[in-house]
Amino acid sequence: MALAYLGDLAGQGWKQVGQLALAFMLSASIGLEREIRQKSAGLRTHTLVGFAAALIMLVSKYGFSDVLGEHITLDPSRVAAQIVSGIGFLGAGLIFVRQDAVRGLTTAASIWLTAAVGMAAGAGLWLLALIVTLGHFLAVSVLSPLAIRLPRSKYAPSRLHLTYLDGRDVMRQVLAECLSRGFSVTELSIDQRSKSQDPATVSLWLTLHGPGSISDLIAALSEIDGLLTVSGQDADSAMP
Protein backbone atom coordinates (compact mmCIF):
# COMPACT_ATOMS: atom_id res chain seq x y z
CA MET A 1 0.00 0.00 0.00
CA ALA A 2 2.87 2.32 0.80
CA LEU A 3 4.33 1.64 -2.65
CA ALA A 4 1.04 2.52 -4.28
CA TYR A 5 0.85 5.72 -2.25
CA LEU A 6 4.37 6.67 -3.35
CA GLY A 7 3.39 6.22 -6.95
CA ASP A 8 0.35 8.47 -6.54
CA LEU A 9 2.21 11.47 -5.08
CA ALA A 10 2.68 14.23 -7.63
CA GLY A 11 6.36 14.57 -8.43
CA GLN A 12 7.34 11.90 -5.90
CA GLY A 13 6.97 8.71 -7.88
CA TRP A 14 9.47 6.08 -8.90
CA LYS A 15 10.38 8.12 -11.97
CA GLN A 16 11.71 10.94 -9.80
CA VAL A 17 13.44 8.46 -7.48
CA GLY A 18 15.20 7.00 -10.50
CA GLN A 19 16.29 10.46 -11.62
CA LEU A 20 17.75 11.14 -8.18
CA ALA A 21 19.53 7.78 -8.24
CA LEU A 22 20.99 8.54 -11.66
CA ALA A 23 22.24 11.92 -10.45
CA PHE A 24 23.78 10.26 -7.40
CA MET A 25 25.64 7.62 -9.43
CA LEU A 26 26.93 9.98 -12.11
CA SER A 27 28.04 12.61 -9.59
CA ALA A 28 29.76 9.96 -7.48
CA SER A 29 31.66 8.67 -10.53
CA ILE A 30 32.97 12.17 -11.24
CA GLY A 31 33.83 12.66 -7.58
CA LEU A 32 35.64 9.32 -7.45
CA GLU A 33 37.94 10.41 -10.27
CA ARG A 34 38.69 13.67 -8.44
CA GLU A 35 39.24 11.74 -5.18
CA ILE A 36 41.73 9.38 -6.84
CA ARG A 37 43.65 12.40 -8.11
CA GLN A 38 43.60 13.80 -4.55
CA LYS A 39 41.95 17.09 -5.49
CA SER A 40 40.57 19.55 -2.96
CA ALA A 41 36.98 18.50 -3.75
CA GLY A 42 36.50 14.76 -4.03
CA LEU A 43 33.93 12.01 -3.82
CA ARG A 44 31.63 13.43 -1.15
CA THR A 45 31.59 17.01 -2.42
CA HIS A 46 30.82 16.11 -6.03
CA THR A 47 28.20 13.55 -5.03
CA LEU A 48 26.39 16.01 -2.79
CA VAL A 49 26.51 18.78 -5.40
CA GLY A 50 25.01 16.64 -8.18
CA PHE A 51 22.48 14.97 -5.88
CA ALA A 52 21.30 18.32 -4.47
CA ALA A 53 21.12 19.89 -7.94
CA ALA A 54 18.83 17.08 -9.08
CA LEU A 55 16.57 17.55 -6.05
CA ILE A 56 16.38 21.32 -6.58
CA MET A 57 15.45 20.70 -10.21
CA LEU A 58 12.65 18.37 -9.12
CA VAL A 59 11.45 20.86 -6.52
CA SER A 60 11.41 23.54 -9.20
CA LYS A 61 9.30 21.30 -11.45
CA TYR A 62 6.85 19.81 -8.94
CA GLY A 63 7.23 21.58 -5.60
CA PHE A 64 4.58 24.26 -6.15
CA SER A 65 1.84 22.30 -7.86
CA ASP A 66 -0.39 22.54 -4.77
CA VAL A 67 -0.58 26.36 -4.94
CA LEU A 68 -1.29 26.70 -8.63
CA GLY A 69 -4.70 28.04 -9.54
CA GLU A 70 -6.62 30.23 -11.90
CA HIS A 71 -4.93 33.39 -10.67
CA ILE A 72 -1.53 31.91 -9.75
CA THR A 73 1.10 31.04 -12.33
CA LEU A 74 4.72 30.14 -11.69
CA ASP A 75 7.86 29.94 -13.78
CA PRO A 76 9.32 26.47 -13.07
CA SER A 77 12.77 27.54 -14.19
CA ARG A 78 13.28 30.23 -11.54
CA VAL A 79 14.32 27.93 -8.69
CA ALA A 80 16.49 25.77 -10.93
CA ALA A 81 18.22 28.86 -12.31
CA GLN A 82 19.56 29.66 -8.85
CA ILE A 83 21.73 26.54 -9.00
CA VAL A 84 23.79 28.13 -11.75
CA SER A 85 24.53 31.25 -9.70
CA GLY A 86 24.75 29.50 -6.33
CA ILE A 87 27.28 26.89 -7.43
CA GLY A 88 29.62 29.72 -8.41
CA PHE A 89 30.21 30.53 -4.74
CA LEU A 90 31.22 26.94 -4.02
CA GLY A 91 33.52 26.87 -7.03
CA ALA A 92 35.14 30.16 -6.03
CA GLY A 93 36.02 28.67 -2.67
CA LEU A 94 38.09 25.99 -4.39
CA ILE A 95 40.26 28.48 -6.26
CA PHE A 96 43.22 30.01 -4.47
CA VAL A 97 46.33 31.91 -5.46
CA ARG A 98 49.77 31.31 -4.03
CA GLN A 99 52.74 33.28 -5.25
CA ASP A 100 50.84 34.31 -8.40
CA ALA A 101 50.00 30.65 -9.18
CA VAL A 102 46.29 29.94 -9.59
CA ARG A 103 45.17 26.56 -8.27
CA GLY A 104 41.86 24.71 -8.28
CA LEU A 105 40.38 25.97 -11.56
CA THR A 106 39.84 22.48 -12.99
CA THR A 107 38.28 21.22 -9.77
CA ALA A 108 35.97 24.24 -9.65
CA ALA A 109 34.98 23.54 -13.25
CA SER A 110 34.24 19.90 -12.39
CA ILE A 111 31.96 21.08 -9.56
CA TRP A 112 30.13 23.27 -12.08
CA LEU A 113 29.84 20.34 -14.49
CA THR A 114 28.60 18.00 -11.74
CA ALA A 115 25.83 20.45 -10.88
CA ALA A 116 24.85 20.54 -14.55
CA VAL A 117 24.78 16.72 -14.65
CA GLY A 118 22.53 16.67 -11.58
CA MET A 119 20.20 19.24 -13.16
CA ALA A 120 19.98 17.22 -16.36
CA ALA A 121 19.20 14.05 -14.43
CA GLY A 122 16.56 15.85 -12.38
CA ALA A 123 15.02 17.23 -15.55
CA GLY A 124 14.72 13.75 -17.01
CA LEU A 125 17.44 14.36 -19.62
CA TRP A 126 19.24 11.14 -18.74
CA LEU A 127 21.00 10.76 -22.10
CA LEU A 128 22.51 14.24 -21.88
CA ALA A 129 23.59 13.58 -18.30
CA LEU A 130 25.36 10.39 -19.37
CA ILE A 131 27.07 12.05 -22.34
CA VAL A 132 28.36 14.97 -20.25
CA THR A 133 29.68 12.56 -17.61
CA LEU A 134 31.54 10.62 -20.29
CA GLY A 135 32.80 13.94 -21.64
CA HIS A 136 34.27 14.73 -18.24
CA PHE A 137 36.31 11.53 -18.22
CA LEU A 138 37.39 12.15 -21.80
CA ALA A 139 38.58 15.65 -20.90
CA VAL A 140 40.60 14.63 -17.84
CA SER A 141 42.07 11.43 -19.32
CA VAL A 142 42.81 12.53 -22.90
CA LEU A 143 42.98 16.32 -23.01
CA SER A 144 45.27 16.72 -19.98
CA PRO A 145 48.14 14.60 -21.40
CA LEU A 146 47.57 16.22 -24.79
CA ALA A 147 47.86 19.72 -23.32
CA ILE A 148 51.18 18.82 -21.71
CA ARG A 149 52.60 17.66 -25.06
CA LEU A 150 51.49 20.72 -27.03
CA PRO A 151 54.29 23.12 -27.96
CA ARG A 152 54.41 26.03 -25.57
CA SER A 153 54.86 29.66 -26.43
CA LYS A 154 58.14 31.07 -25.20
CA TYR A 155 56.13 33.93 -23.72
CA ALA A 156 53.96 31.65 -21.55
CA PRO A 157 55.39 31.37 -18.01
CA SER A 158 55.66 28.10 -16.13
CA ARG A 159 56.29 27.61 -12.44
CA LEU A 160 58.24 24.89 -10.71
CA HIS A 161 58.30 24.08 -7.02
CA LEU A 162 61.28 22.16 -5.70
CA THR A 163 62.46 20.92 -2.33
CA TYR A 164 66.01 19.70 -1.92
CA LEU A 165 68.69 18.97 0.64
CA ASP A 166 70.82 21.97 1.55
CA GLY A 167 74.52 21.83 0.85
CA ARG A 168 74.30 19.52 -2.19
CA ASP A 169 74.82 22.17 -4.91
CA VAL A 170 71.34 21.32 -6.20
CA MET A 171 70.35 24.86 -7.17
CA ARG A 172 73.29 25.23 -9.56
CA GLN A 173 72.43 21.92 -11.25
CA VAL A 174 68.74 22.86 -11.53
CA LEU A 175 69.52 26.21 -13.14
CA ALA A 176 71.99 24.61 -15.53
CA GLU A 177 69.43 21.99 -16.59
CA CYS A 178 66.77 24.65 -17.19
CA LEU A 179 69.13 26.76 -19.32
CA SER A 180 70.31 23.75 -21.32
CA ARG A 181 66.70 22.98 -22.30
CA GLY A 182 66.01 26.47 -23.58
CA PHE A 183 64.29 27.92 -20.50
CA SER A 184 65.13 31.29 -19.02
CA VAL A 185 64.63 31.80 -15.30
CA THR A 186 62.77 35.08 -14.72
CA GLU A 187 62.01 34.67 -11.03
CA LEU A 188 63.60 32.69 -8.23
CA SER A 189 62.40 32.72 -4.64
CA ILE A 190 63.10 30.63 -1.57
CA ASP A 191 59.80 29.85 0.08
CA GLN A 192 61.23 28.52 3.30
CA ARG A 193 64.35 26.97 4.75
CA SER A 194 63.87 24.26 7.33
CA LYS A 195 66.81 23.65 9.64
CA SER A 196 64.81 21.58 12.09
CA GLN A 197 65.55 18.54 9.98
CA ASP A 198 68.93 16.89 9.62
CA PRO A 199 70.04 17.68 6.99
CA ALA A 200 68.28 20.99 6.31
CA THR A 201 65.92 21.27 3.33
CA VAL A 202 65.20 24.19 0.99
CA SER A 203 61.87 24.96 -0.71
CA LEU A 204 62.32 26.84 -3.98
CA TRP A 205 59.96 28.45 -6.54
CA LEU A 206 61.09 29.08 -10.13
CA THR A 207 59.30 31.00 -12.88
CA LEU A 208 60.42 29.87 -16.33
CA HIS A 209 59.90 31.04 -19.90
CA GLY A 210 60.64 28.89 -22.89
CA PRO A 211 59.16 26.61 -25.56
CA GLY A 212 60.45 23.39 -24.00
CA SER A 213 58.44 20.62 -22.36
CA ILE A 214 57.87 21.11 -18.64
CA SER A 215 57.18 17.38 -18.13
CA ASP A 216 60.52 16.49 -19.76
CA LEU A 217 62.27 19.07 -17.61
CA ILE A 218 60.69 17.62 -14.46
CA ALA A 219 61.83 14.14 -15.46
CA ALA A 220 65.38 15.38 -15.97
CA LEU A 221 65.45 17.33 -12.69
CA SER A 222 64.20 14.31 -10.76
CA GLU A 223 67.52 12.59 -11.53
CA ILE A 224 69.53 15.21 -9.63
CA ASP A 225 71.00 13.84 -6.44
CA GLY A 226 69.65 15.60 -3.37
CA LEU A 227 66.42 16.79 -5.00
CA LEU A 228 63.48 15.58 -2.91
CA THR A 229 60.40 16.78 -4.82
CA VAL A 230 59.70 18.73 -8.00
CA SER A 231 56.31 19.67 -9.43
CA GLY A 232 55.11 21.97 -12.18
CA GLN A 233 52.04 24.17 -12.20
CA ASP A 234 51.24 23.27 -15.81
CA ALA A 235 52.15 19.58 -15.61
CA ASP A 236 50.36 16.68 -13.98
CA SER A 237 53.55 14.75 -13.34
CA ALA A 238 55.49 15.17 -10.13
CA MET A 239 58.34 13.50 -8.33
CA PRO A 240 58.03 11.49 -6.24
Foldseek 3Di string as FASTA:
>chain_A
DVLVVQCPDWLRHVLLVVLLVLLLVLQQVLQCVCVVLVAPGHRVLSNVLLSVLLVQLSCLVTVCPVPDDDPDDDDSCPSSVVSQVVLVVVLVVQWDDDPNFIPRNVVSVSSNLSSVLSNCSSVVVSVVSVVSSVVVCCCVVPVLVVVLPDFDALPDKKKKKWKFFPPQCLVVVLCVLCVVQFKDWPDKDWPDWDPVDVNIMTIIMTIIGGRGGPVVSQVVSLPDPGIQKMDMSSHSDIHD
